[in-house]
Amino acid sequence: MKKNKKALYWLVGIAALLVLVVISWMVLETGVEISSHADFCNVCHSMEPMVASYKASIHGGNNPRGIMAACTDCHVSHENVFAHFAGKARSGTHDVWVTMITDESNLDWQAKRLDREEYVYDSGCLTCHRNLETATQDKKYHDNYFDDVTDTQCVTCHEEIGHSNLNKYLLETKYKYRFNE
């Protein structure tokens, strides 16, 4: 009788652990999905010009099919699962810190645009655009990239691909973030 009771405890424990793992994964997946899109990113008002320009772009749904890329499709690495989650955690923590601690009116968004290769990942582009490797149109430009002849990244040439007319939106919202007045 004691053996059956011990086996039952093990079975219940394993089942409970399995349920806990499944629920934890569902919560994590839901959190990742919710925090991947422009509406979430726009919670921090410093992102307003970026979200507005994104929504005006082809990747923001302004295309015949209405297909949209999530912010994390471009701004988080897709090399592997660890890189994706680590990058998302680092980026999210950094953005919250900057929003809470920094006077956003002093952020130089124009200068940050020049460093776009640091926070836009080709692995995200290639998730949707892998067909460019075999495409015939503009082949000479992309062949150098795919043959590792050049160190350029997608956004080196495609500067405003995810944020149409970002400069215009940045200038329009330039004085929105004055906290010291």
N, C-alpha and C. Protein backbone atom coordinates (compact mmCIF):
# COMPACT_ATOMS: atom_id res chain seq x y z
N MET A 1 0.81 -1.21 0.00
CA MET A 1 0.00 0.00 0.00
C MET A 1 0.86 1.27 0.00
N LYS A 2 1.98 1.25 0.75
CA LYS A 2 2.86 2.42 0.81
C LYS A 2 3.48 2.71 -0.55
N LYS A 3 3.80 1.65 -1.31
CA LYS A 3 4.38 1.84 -2.64
C LYS A 3 3.41 2.56 -3.57
N ASN A 4 2.14 2.18 -3.51
CA ASN A 4 1.13 2.82 -4.35
C ASN A 4 0.96 4.29 -3.98
N LYS A 5 1.01 4.57 -2.68
CA LYS A 5 0.86 5.96 -2.23
C LYS A 5 2.05 6.81 -2.69
N LYS A 6 3.25 6.24 -2.58
CA LYS A 6 4.45 6.95 -3.01
C LYS A 6 4.43 7.19 -4.52
N ALA A 7 4.01 6.20 -5.28
CA ALA A 7 3.90 6.34 -6.74
C ALA A 7 2.87 7.40 -7.10
N LEU A 8 1.77 7.43 -6.34
CA LEU A 8 0.72 8.43 -6.59
C LEU A 8 1.26 9.84 -6.33
N TYR A 9 2.02 10.01 -5.24
CA TYR A 9 2.62 11.31 -4.95
C TYR A 9 3.55 11.75 -6.08
N TRP A 10 4.36 10.83 -6.57
CA TRP A 10 5.25 11.13 -7.68
C TRP A 10 4.46 11.52 -8.92
N LEU A 11 3.42 10.76 -9.20
CA LEU A 11 2.59 11.04 -10.38
C LEU A 11 1.93 12.41 -10.28
N VAL A 12 1.37 12.72 -9.11
CA VAL A 12 0.73 14.02 -8.90
C VAL A 12 1.77 15.14 -8.99
N GLY A 13 2.95 14.92 -8.40
CA GLY A 13 4.01 15.91 -8.45
C GLY A 13 4.48 16.19 -9.87
N ILE A 14 4.66 15.14 -10.65
CA ILE A 14 5.08 15.31 -12.04
C ILE A 14 3.99 16.00 -12.85
N ALA A 15 2.73 15.62 -12.63
CA ALA A 15 1.62 16.27 -13.34
C ALA A 15 1.54 17.75 -12.97
N ALA A 16 1.70 18.06 -11.68
CA ALA A 16 1.65 19.46 -11.24
C ALA A 16 2.80 20.26 -11.85
N LEU A 17 3.97 19.66 -11.89
CA LEU A 17 5.12 20.32 -12.50
C LEU A 17 4.88 20.58 -13.99
N LEU A 18 4.32 19.60 -14.66
CA LEU A 18 4.01 19.74 -16.08
C LEU A 18 3.00 20.87 -16.31
N VAL A 19 1.96 20.92 -15.48
CA VAL A 19 0.96 21.99 -15.58
C VAL A 19 1.62 23.34 -15.32
N LEU A 20 2.48 23.42 -14.32
CA LEU A 20 3.18 24.67 -14.01
C LEU A 20 4.06 25.12 -15.18
N VAL A 21 4.76 24.19 -15.80
CA VAL A 21 5.61 24.53 -16.95
C VAL A 21 4.76 25.04 -18.10
N VAL A 22 3.65 24.38 -18.39
CA VAL A 22 2.77 24.79 -19.50
C VAL A 22 2.18 26.18 -19.22
N ILE A 23 1.70 26.40 -18.01
CA ILE A 23 1.12 27.71 -17.66
C ILE A 23 2.20 28.80 -17.73
N SER A 24 3.39 28.51 -17.21
CA SER A 24 4.48 29.49 -17.26
C SER A 24 4.84 29.84 -18.70
N TRP A 25 4.91 28.83 -19.55
CA TRP A 25 5.22 29.07 -20.96
C TRP A 25 4.14 29.92 -21.61
N MET A 26 2.87 29.65 -21.30
CA MET A 26 1.77 30.43 -21.88
C MET A 26 1.83 31.88 -21.43
N VAL A 27 2.12 32.11 -20.15
CA VAL A 27 2.24 33.47 -19.63
C VAL A 27 3.42 34.18 -20.30
N LEU A 28 4.55 33.50 -20.41
CA LEU A 28 5.72 34.09 -21.06
C LEU A 28 5.43 34.42 -22.52
N GLU A 29 4.84 33.49 -23.23
CA GLU A 29 4.53 33.69 -24.65
C GLU A 29 3.55 34.85 -24.83
N THR A 30 2.55 34.94 -23.97
CA THR A 30 1.59 36.04 -24.04
C THR A 30 2.28 37.38 -23.77
N GLY A 31 3.14 37.41 -22.76
CA GLY A 31 3.88 38.64 -22.46
C GLY A 31 4.78 39.07 -23.59
N VAL A 32 5.45 38.10 -24.20
CA VAL A 32 6.33 38.40 -25.33
C VAL A 32 5.51 38.95 -26.49
N GLU A 33 4.38 38.34 -26.77
CA GLU A 33 3.53 38.78 -27.89
C GLU A 33 2.99 40.19 -27.64
N ILE A 34 2.48 40.43 -26.45
CA ILE A 34 1.91 41.75 -26.12
C ILE A 34 2.97 42.84 -26.21
N SER A 35 4.17 42.55 -25.75
CA SER A 35 5.21 43.58 -25.69
C SER A 35 6.04 43.69 -26.96
N SER A 36 5.59 43.07 -28.03
CA SER A 36 6.35 43.09 -29.29
C SER A 36 5.83 44.10 -30.30
N HIS A 37 4.70 44.72 -30.05
CA HIS A 37 4.05 45.54 -31.06
C HIS A 37 4.11 47.04 -30.75
N ALA A 38 3.84 47.83 -31.75
CA ALA A 38 3.97 49.29 -31.66
C ALA A 38 3.08 49.90 -30.59
N ASP A 39 1.89 49.37 -30.39
CA ASP A 39 1.02 49.95 -29.37
C ASP A 39 1.64 49.83 -27.99
N PHE A 40 2.34 48.76 -27.72
CA PHE A 40 3.04 48.60 -26.45
C PHE A 40 4.23 49.56 -26.39
N CYS A 41 5.00 49.61 -27.47
CA CYS A 41 6.18 50.48 -27.50
C CYS A 41 5.79 51.95 -27.35
N ASN A 42 4.60 52.30 -27.82
CA ASN A 42 4.14 53.68 -27.78
C ASN A 42 3.68 54.10 -26.39
N VAL A 43 3.65 53.17 -25.44
CA VAL A 43 3.30 53.52 -24.06
C VAL A 43 4.29 54.56 -23.55
N CYS A 44 5.55 54.41 -23.93
CA CYS A 44 6.56 55.42 -23.59
C CYS A 44 6.47 56.53 -24.63
N HIS A 45 6.09 57.71 -24.22
CA HIS A 45 5.81 58.78 -25.19
C HIS A 45 7.02 59.15 -26.03
N SER A 46 8.22 58.79 -25.61
CA SER A 46 9.39 59.11 -26.43
C SER A 46 9.38 58.34 -27.74
N MET A 47 8.54 57.32 -27.83
CA MET A 47 8.45 56.51 -29.05
C MET A 47 7.38 57.02 -30.02
N GLU A 48 6.65 58.05 -29.67
CA GLU A 48 5.56 58.52 -30.52
C GLU A 48 5.99 58.80 -31.96
N PRO A 49 7.07 59.54 -32.21
CA PRO A 49 7.44 59.79 -33.61
C PRO A 49 7.85 58.51 -34.34
N MET A 50 8.49 57.57 -33.61
CA MET A 50 8.90 56.32 -34.25
C MET A 50 7.69 55.48 -34.62
N VAL A 51 6.72 55.43 -33.71
CA VAL A 51 5.51 54.63 -33.98
C VAL A 51 4.71 55.26 -35.11
N ALA A 52 4.60 56.59 -35.13
CA ALA A 52 3.85 57.26 -36.21
C ALA A 52 4.50 57.00 -37.56
N SER A 53 5.84 57.08 -37.62
CA SER A 53 6.52 56.84 -38.90
C SER A 53 6.46 55.37 -39.28
N TYR A 54 6.47 54.49 -38.29
CA TYR A 54 6.34 53.05 -38.55
C TYR A 54 4.97 52.76 -39.16
N LYS A 55 3.92 53.34 -38.59
CA LYS A 55 2.56 53.09 -39.10
C LYS A 55 2.38 53.64 -40.51
N ALA A 56 3.18 54.64 -40.89
CA ALA A 56 3.11 55.20 -42.24
C ALA A 56 3.96 54.39 -43.23
N SER A 57 4.74 53.45 -42.72
CA SER A 57 5.66 52.70 -43.58
C SER A 57 5.03 51.41 -44.09
N ILE A 58 5.69 50.83 -45.06
CA ILE A 58 5.23 49.56 -45.63
C ILE A 58 5.24 48.45 -44.59
N HIS A 59 6.17 48.49 -43.64
CA HIS A 59 6.24 47.47 -42.60
C HIS A 59 5.23 47.71 -41.49
N GLY A 60 4.66 48.89 -41.44
CA GLY A 60 3.64 49.21 -40.44
C GLY A 60 2.23 48.93 -40.91
N GLY A 61 2.09 48.26 -42.04
CA GLY A 61 0.77 47.91 -42.56
C GLY A 61 0.32 48.77 -43.71
N ASN A 62 1.11 49.77 -44.07
CA ASN A 62 0.76 50.66 -45.17
C ASN A 62 1.20 50.02 -46.49
N ASN A 63 0.55 48.91 -46.81
CA ASN A 63 0.85 48.14 -48.03
C ASN A 63 -0.45 47.49 -48.49
N PRO A 64 -0.53 47.03 -49.71
CA PRO A 64 -1.79 46.50 -50.24
C PRO A 64 -2.39 45.36 -49.42
N ARG A 65 -1.57 44.55 -48.77
CA ARG A 65 -2.08 43.42 -48.00
C ARG A 65 -2.29 43.74 -46.52
N GLY A 66 -1.80 44.89 -46.08
CA GLY A 66 -1.95 45.27 -44.68
C GLY A 66 -1.07 44.47 -43.73
N ILE A 67 -0.06 43.82 -44.26
CA ILE A 67 0.84 43.01 -43.43
C ILE A 67 1.70 43.94 -42.58
N MET A 68 1.86 43.59 -41.31
CA MET A 68 2.63 44.41 -40.39
C MET A 68 3.76 43.60 -39.76
N ALA A 69 4.89 44.23 -39.62
CA ALA A 69 5.99 43.65 -38.85
C ALA A 69 5.88 44.19 -37.43
N ALA A 70 6.15 43.36 -36.46
CA ALA A 70 6.20 43.83 -35.07
C ALA A 70 7.52 44.55 -34.84
N CYS A 71 7.56 45.41 -33.85
CA CYS A 71 8.81 46.13 -33.54
C CYS A 71 9.96 45.16 -33.31
N THR A 72 9.66 44.07 -32.61
CA THR A 72 10.72 43.10 -32.30
C THR A 72 11.13 42.28 -33.51
N ASP A 73 10.38 42.33 -34.59
CA ASP A 73 10.82 41.64 -35.81
C ASP A 73 12.10 42.26 -36.35
N CYS A 74 12.28 43.55 -36.11
CA CYS A 74 13.46 44.26 -36.61
C CYS A 74 14.45 44.60 -35.51
N HIS A 75 13.95 44.94 -34.32
CA HIS A 75 14.80 45.50 -33.28
C HIS A 75 15.27 44.49 -32.24
N VAL A 76 15.05 43.20 -32.48
CA VAL A 76 15.58 42.15 -31.61
C VAL A 76 16.15 41.07 -32.51
N SER A 77 17.30 40.53 -32.14
CA SER A 77 17.95 39.50 -32.94
C SER A 77 17.10 38.23 -33.03
N HIS A 78 17.17 37.59 -34.18
CA HIS A 78 16.47 36.32 -34.39
C HIS A 78 17.47 35.20 -34.68
N GLU A 79 18.72 35.40 -34.28
CA GLU A 79 19.76 34.39 -34.52
C GLU A 79 19.41 33.07 -33.83
N ASN A 80 18.94 33.16 -32.58
CA ASN A 80 18.50 31.98 -31.84
C ASN A 80 17.57 32.43 -30.72
N VAL A 81 16.94 31.49 -30.05
CA VAL A 81 15.96 31.81 -29.01
C VAL A 81 16.61 32.59 -27.87
N PHE A 82 17.80 32.19 -27.44
CA PHE A 82 18.47 32.89 -26.36
C PHE A 82 18.76 34.33 -26.74
N ALA A 83 19.31 34.55 -27.91
CA ALA A 83 19.63 35.91 -28.36
C ALA A 83 18.36 36.76 -28.43
N HIS A 84 17.26 36.15 -28.87
CA HIS A 84 16.00 36.87 -28.99
C HIS A 84 15.50 37.33 -27.61
N PHE A 85 15.42 36.39 -26.66
CA PHE A 85 14.92 36.75 -25.33
C PHE A 85 15.88 37.65 -24.58
N ALA A 86 17.17 37.40 -24.69
CA ALA A 86 18.16 38.25 -24.02
C ALA A 86 18.12 39.67 -24.59
N GLY A 87 18.03 39.78 -25.90
CA GLY A 87 17.95 41.09 -26.54
C GLY A 87 16.68 41.83 -26.18
N LYS A 88 15.58 41.11 -26.13
CA LYS A 88 14.30 41.72 -25.76
C LYS A 88 14.35 42.23 -24.32
N ALA A 89 14.89 41.42 -23.42
CA ALA A 89 15.00 41.82 -22.01
C ALA A 89 15.92 43.02 -21.85
N ARG A 90 17.07 42.98 -22.52
CA ARG A 90 18.03 44.09 -22.43
C ARG A 90 17.43 45.38 -22.99
N SER A 91 16.83 45.27 -24.15
CA SER A 91 16.25 46.44 -24.80
C SER A 91 15.09 47.02 -23.98
N GLY A 92 14.23 46.15 -23.50
CA GLY A 92 13.09 46.62 -22.70
C GLY A 92 13.54 47.29 -21.42
N THR A 93 14.50 46.68 -20.73
CA THR A 93 15.02 47.25 -19.49
C THR A 93 15.68 48.60 -19.76
N HIS A 94 16.45 48.68 -20.83
CA HIS A 94 17.11 49.94 -21.19
C HIS A 94 16.08 51.02 -21.50
N ASP A 95 15.05 50.68 -22.27
CA ASP A 95 14.04 51.67 -22.65
C ASP A 95 13.27 52.18 -21.43
N VAL A 96 12.94 51.28 -20.50
CA VAL A 96 12.24 51.70 -19.28
C VAL A 96 13.15 52.62 -18.47
N TRP A 97 14.41 52.25 -18.33
CA TRP A 97 15.38 53.06 -17.57
C TRP A 97 15.49 54.46 -18.18
N VAL A 98 15.67 54.53 -19.48
CA VAL A 98 15.83 55.83 -20.14
C VAL A 98 14.57 56.67 -19.97
N THR A 99 13.40 56.04 -20.10
CA THR A 99 12.15 56.78 -19.99
C THR A 99 11.94 57.32 -18.58
N MET A 100 12.32 56.55 -17.57
CA MET A 100 12.08 56.96 -16.18
C MET A 100 13.15 57.91 -15.65
N ILE A 101 14.37 57.78 -16.11
CA ILE A 101 15.49 58.52 -15.52
C ILE A 101 15.94 59.72 -16.36
N THR A 102 15.81 59.62 -17.66
CA THR A 102 16.38 60.62 -18.56
C THR A 102 15.37 61.69 -18.93
N ASP A 103 15.85 62.90 -19.10
CA ASP A 103 15.02 63.95 -19.67
C ASP A 103 15.02 63.71 -21.18
N GLU A 104 13.92 63.20 -21.68
CA GLU A 104 13.86 62.77 -23.07
C GLU A 104 14.03 63.92 -24.06
N SER A 105 13.84 65.14 -23.61
CA SER A 105 14.04 66.27 -24.53
C SER A 105 15.51 66.42 -24.90
N ASN A 106 16.40 65.79 -24.13
CA ASN A 106 17.83 65.87 -24.42
C ASN A 106 18.33 64.71 -25.29
N LEU A 107 17.45 63.77 -25.62
CA LEU A 107 17.87 62.66 -26.47
C LEU A 107 18.05 63.16 -27.90
N ASP A 108 19.15 62.81 -28.50
CA ASP A 108 19.44 63.20 -29.88
C ASP A 108 19.05 62.06 -30.81
N TRP A 109 17.77 62.04 -31.19
CA TRP A 109 17.26 60.96 -32.03
C TRP A 109 17.89 60.99 -33.42
N GLN A 110 18.25 62.17 -33.90
CA GLN A 110 18.90 62.24 -35.22
C GLN A 110 20.25 61.51 -35.19
N ALA A 111 21.01 61.70 -34.13
CA ALA A 111 22.30 61.01 -34.01
C ALA A 111 22.09 59.51 -33.86
N LYS A 112 21.06 59.11 -33.14
CA LYS A 112 20.78 57.69 -32.97
C LYS A 112 20.44 57.02 -34.30
N ARG A 113 19.84 57.78 -35.21
CA ARG A 113 19.51 57.21 -36.52
C ARG A 113 20.77 56.80 -37.28
N LEU A 114 21.87 57.50 -37.04
CA LEU A 114 23.13 57.17 -37.71
C LEU A 114 23.71 55.84 -37.21
N ASP A 115 23.28 55.41 -36.04
CA ASP A 115 23.75 54.16 -35.46
C ASP A 115 22.75 53.02 -35.64
N ARG A 116 21.90 53.13 -36.65
CA ARG A 116 20.81 52.17 -36.82
C ARG A 116 21.29 50.73 -36.95
N GLU A 117 22.50 50.51 -37.45
CA GLU A 117 23.02 49.14 -37.59
C GLU A 117 23.18 48.45 -36.24
N GLU A 118 23.24 49.24 -35.16
CA GLU A 118 23.42 48.67 -33.82
C GLU A 118 22.11 48.14 -33.23
N TYR A 119 20.97 48.60 -33.73
CA TYR A 119 19.71 48.15 -33.12
C TYR A 119 18.66 47.71 -34.14
N VAL A 120 19.10 47.41 -35.34
CA VAL A 120 18.24 46.75 -36.33
C VAL A 120 19.01 45.53 -36.80
N TYR A 121 18.38 44.38 -36.74
CA TYR A 121 19.08 43.11 -36.98
C TYR A 121 18.68 42.49 -38.30
N ASP A 122 19.69 42.13 -39.10
CA ASP A 122 19.44 41.48 -40.38
C ASP A 122 18.69 40.16 -40.21
N SER A 123 18.91 39.48 -39.10
CA SER A 123 18.22 38.20 -38.89
C SER A 123 16.71 38.41 -38.89
N GLY A 124 16.25 39.57 -38.44
CA GLY A 124 14.82 39.88 -38.50
C GLY A 124 14.37 40.12 -39.92
N CYS A 125 15.16 40.87 -40.69
CA CYS A 125 14.82 41.13 -42.10
C CYS A 125 14.70 39.81 -42.86
N LEU A 126 15.68 38.94 -42.62
CA LEU A 126 15.76 37.70 -43.40
C LEU A 126 14.71 36.68 -42.99
N THR A 127 14.07 36.89 -41.85
CA THR A 127 12.97 36.00 -41.48
C THR A 127 11.87 36.09 -42.53
N CYS A 128 11.61 37.29 -43.01
CA CYS A 128 10.56 37.49 -44.02
C CYS A 128 11.11 37.58 -45.45
N HIS A 129 12.34 38.04 -45.58
CA HIS A 129 12.88 38.34 -46.91
C HIS A 129 14.00 37.39 -47.33
N ARG A 130 13.95 36.17 -46.93
CA ARG A 130 14.96 35.17 -47.30
C ARG A 130 15.00 34.99 -48.82
N ASN A 131 13.88 35.25 -49.49
CA ASN A 131 13.82 35.09 -50.95
C ASN A 131 14.79 36.00 -51.69
N LEU A 132 15.31 37.03 -51.05
CA LEU A 132 16.27 37.93 -51.71
C LEU A 132 17.56 37.20 -52.08
N GLU A 133 17.84 36.12 -51.39
CA GLU A 133 19.06 35.37 -51.68
C GLU A 133 19.03 34.76 -53.08
N THR A 134 17.84 34.44 -53.56
CA THR A 134 17.71 33.84 -54.90
C THR A 134 17.02 34.76 -55.90
N ALA A 135 16.68 35.97 -55.48
CA ALA A 135 15.98 36.90 -56.37
C ALA A 135 16.89 37.34 -57.51
N THR A 136 16.29 37.69 -58.62
CA THR A 136 17.07 38.15 -59.78
C THR A 136 17.09 39.67 -59.88
N GLN A 137 16.06 40.34 -59.38
CA GLN A 137 16.02 41.80 -59.41
C GLN A 137 16.99 42.35 -58.35
N ASP A 138 17.74 43.36 -58.68
CA ASP A 138 18.75 43.95 -57.79
C ASP A 138 19.75 42.91 -57.29
N LYS A 139 19.98 41.90 -58.09
CA LYS A 139 20.83 40.78 -57.68
C LYS A 139 22.25 41.21 -57.34
N LYS A 140 22.81 42.11 -58.13
CA LYS A 140 24.21 42.48 -57.91
C LYS A 140 24.43 43.11 -56.54
N TYR A 141 23.43 43.83 -56.04
CA TYR A 141 23.56 44.46 -54.73
C TYR A 141 23.45 43.44 -53.61
N HIS A 142 22.51 42.55 -53.73
CA HIS A 142 22.28 41.57 -52.68
C HIS A 142 23.29 40.43 -52.71
N ASP A 143 23.84 40.11 -53.88
CA ASP A 143 24.84 39.04 -53.96
C ASP A 143 26.05 39.34 -53.08
N ASN A 144 26.53 40.58 -53.11
CA ASN A 144 27.67 40.94 -52.26
C ASN A 144 27.35 40.72 -50.79
N TYR A 145 26.13 41.02 -50.42
CA TYR A 145 25.71 40.81 -49.03
C TYR A 145 25.67 39.32 -48.69
N PHE A 146 24.98 38.54 -49.51
CA PHE A 146 24.83 37.12 -49.22
C PHE A 146 26.12 36.33 -49.39
N ASP A 147 27.04 36.83 -50.20
CA ASP A 147 28.34 36.17 -50.37
C ASP A 147 29.37 36.66 -49.35
N ASP A 148 28.92 37.48 -48.40
CA ASP A 148 29.80 38.04 -47.36
C ASP A 148 30.97 38.83 -47.92
N VAL A 149 30.75 39.49 -49.06
CA VAL A 149 31.78 40.33 -49.67
C VAL A 149 31.80 41.69 -48.98
N THR A 150 30.68 42.07 -48.39
CA THR A 150 30.54 43.38 -47.76
C THR A 150 30.11 43.23 -46.30
N ASP A 151 30.42 44.23 -45.50
CA ASP A 151 30.00 44.23 -44.10
C ASP A 151 28.72 45.03 -43.89
N THR A 152 28.13 45.49 -44.96
CA THR A 152 26.92 46.28 -44.82
C THR A 152 25.78 45.43 -44.27
N GLN A 153 24.84 46.12 -43.67
CA GLN A 153 23.63 45.48 -43.18
C GLN A 153 22.46 45.98 -44.01
N CYS A 154 21.32 45.36 -43.85
CA CYS A 154 20.14 45.75 -44.64
C CYS A 154 19.86 47.25 -44.49
N VAL A 155 19.90 47.76 -43.24
CA VAL A 155 19.55 49.17 -43.02
C VAL A 155 20.64 50.13 -43.44
N THR A 156 21.80 49.62 -43.84
CA THR A 156 22.83 50.51 -44.37
C THR A 156 22.32 51.14 -45.66
N CYS A 157 21.69 50.34 -46.50
CA CYS A 157 21.13 50.84 -47.76
C CYS A 157 19.66 51.26 -47.61
N HIS A 158 18.91 50.49 -46.85
CA HIS A 158 17.48 50.74 -46.68
C HIS A 158 17.28 51.54 -45.39
N GLU A 159 17.64 52.81 -45.41
CA GLU A 159 17.72 53.63 -44.21
C GLU A 159 16.39 53.83 -43.49
N GLU A 160 15.31 54.03 -44.20
CA GLU A 160 14.03 54.33 -43.55
C GLU A 160 13.00 53.24 -43.80
N ILE A 161 13.44 52.02 -44.01
CA ILE A 161 12.54 50.96 -44.42
C ILE A 161 11.42 50.70 -43.41
N GLY A 162 11.68 50.80 -42.14
CA GLY A 162 10.64 50.55 -41.15
C GLY A 162 10.00 51.81 -40.60
N HIS A 163 10.56 52.96 -40.95
CA HIS A 163 10.08 54.23 -40.41
C HIS A 163 10.10 55.29 -41.51
N SER A 164 9.06 55.32 -42.30
CA SER A 164 8.98 56.29 -43.41
C SER A 164 8.97 57.72 -42.89
N ASN A 165 9.80 58.56 -43.48
CA ASN A 165 9.86 59.98 -43.13
C ASN A 165 10.06 60.22 -41.64
N LEU A 166 10.90 59.41 -41.01
CA LEU A 166 11.11 59.54 -39.57
C LEU A 166 11.58 60.93 -39.20
N ASN A 167 12.44 61.53 -40.01
CA ASN A 167 12.93 62.87 -39.71
C ASN A 167 11.77 63.86 -39.56
N LYS A 168 10.80 63.78 -40.45
CA LYS A 168 9.62 64.66 -40.39
C LYS A 168 8.89 64.48 -39.05
N TYR A 169 8.68 63.24 -38.66
CA TYR A 169 7.97 62.97 -37.41
C TYR A 169 8.78 63.42 -36.20
N LEU A 170 10.09 63.25 -36.25
CA LEU A 170 10.93 63.71 -35.14
C LEU A 170 10.87 65.23 -35.00
N LEU A 171 10.91 65.93 -36.13
CA LEU A 171 10.85 67.40 -36.09
C LEU A 171 9.50 67.89 -35.60
N GLU A 172 8.43 67.21 -36.00
CA GLU A 172 7.08 67.62 -35.58
C GLU A 172 6.88 67.45 -34.08
N THR A 173 7.56 66.51 -33.46
CA THR A 173 7.36 66.23 -32.04
C THR A 173 8.53 66.69 -31.19
N LYS A 174 9.40 67.47 -31.79
CA LYS A 174 10.64 67.87 -31.14
C LYS A 174 10.42 68.50 -29.76
N TYR A 175 9.43 69.34 -29.60
CA TYR A 175 9.27 70.08 -28.35
C TYR A 175 8.22 69.47 -27.44
N LYS A 176 7.76 68.29 -27.74
CA LYS A 176 6.76 67.64 -26.90
C LYS A 176 7.31 67.19 -25.56
N TYR A 177 8.60 66.99 -25.47
CA TYR A 177 9.16 66.33 -24.30
C TYR A 177 9.86 67.28 -23.34
N ARG A 178 9.46 68.52 -23.30
CA ARG A 178 10.08 69.49 -22.40
C ARG A 178 9.49 69.31 -21.00
N PHE A 179 10.29 68.76 -20.07
CA PHE A 179 9.81 68.55 -18.72
C PHE A 179 10.22 69.67 -17.77
N ASN A 180 11.21 70.44 -18.15
CA ASN A 180 11.77 71.43 -17.25
C ASN A 180 11.10 72.79 -17.33
N GLU A 181 10.12 72.93 -18.16
CA GLU A 181 9.50 74.25 -18.34
C GLU A 181 8.29 74.42 -17.45
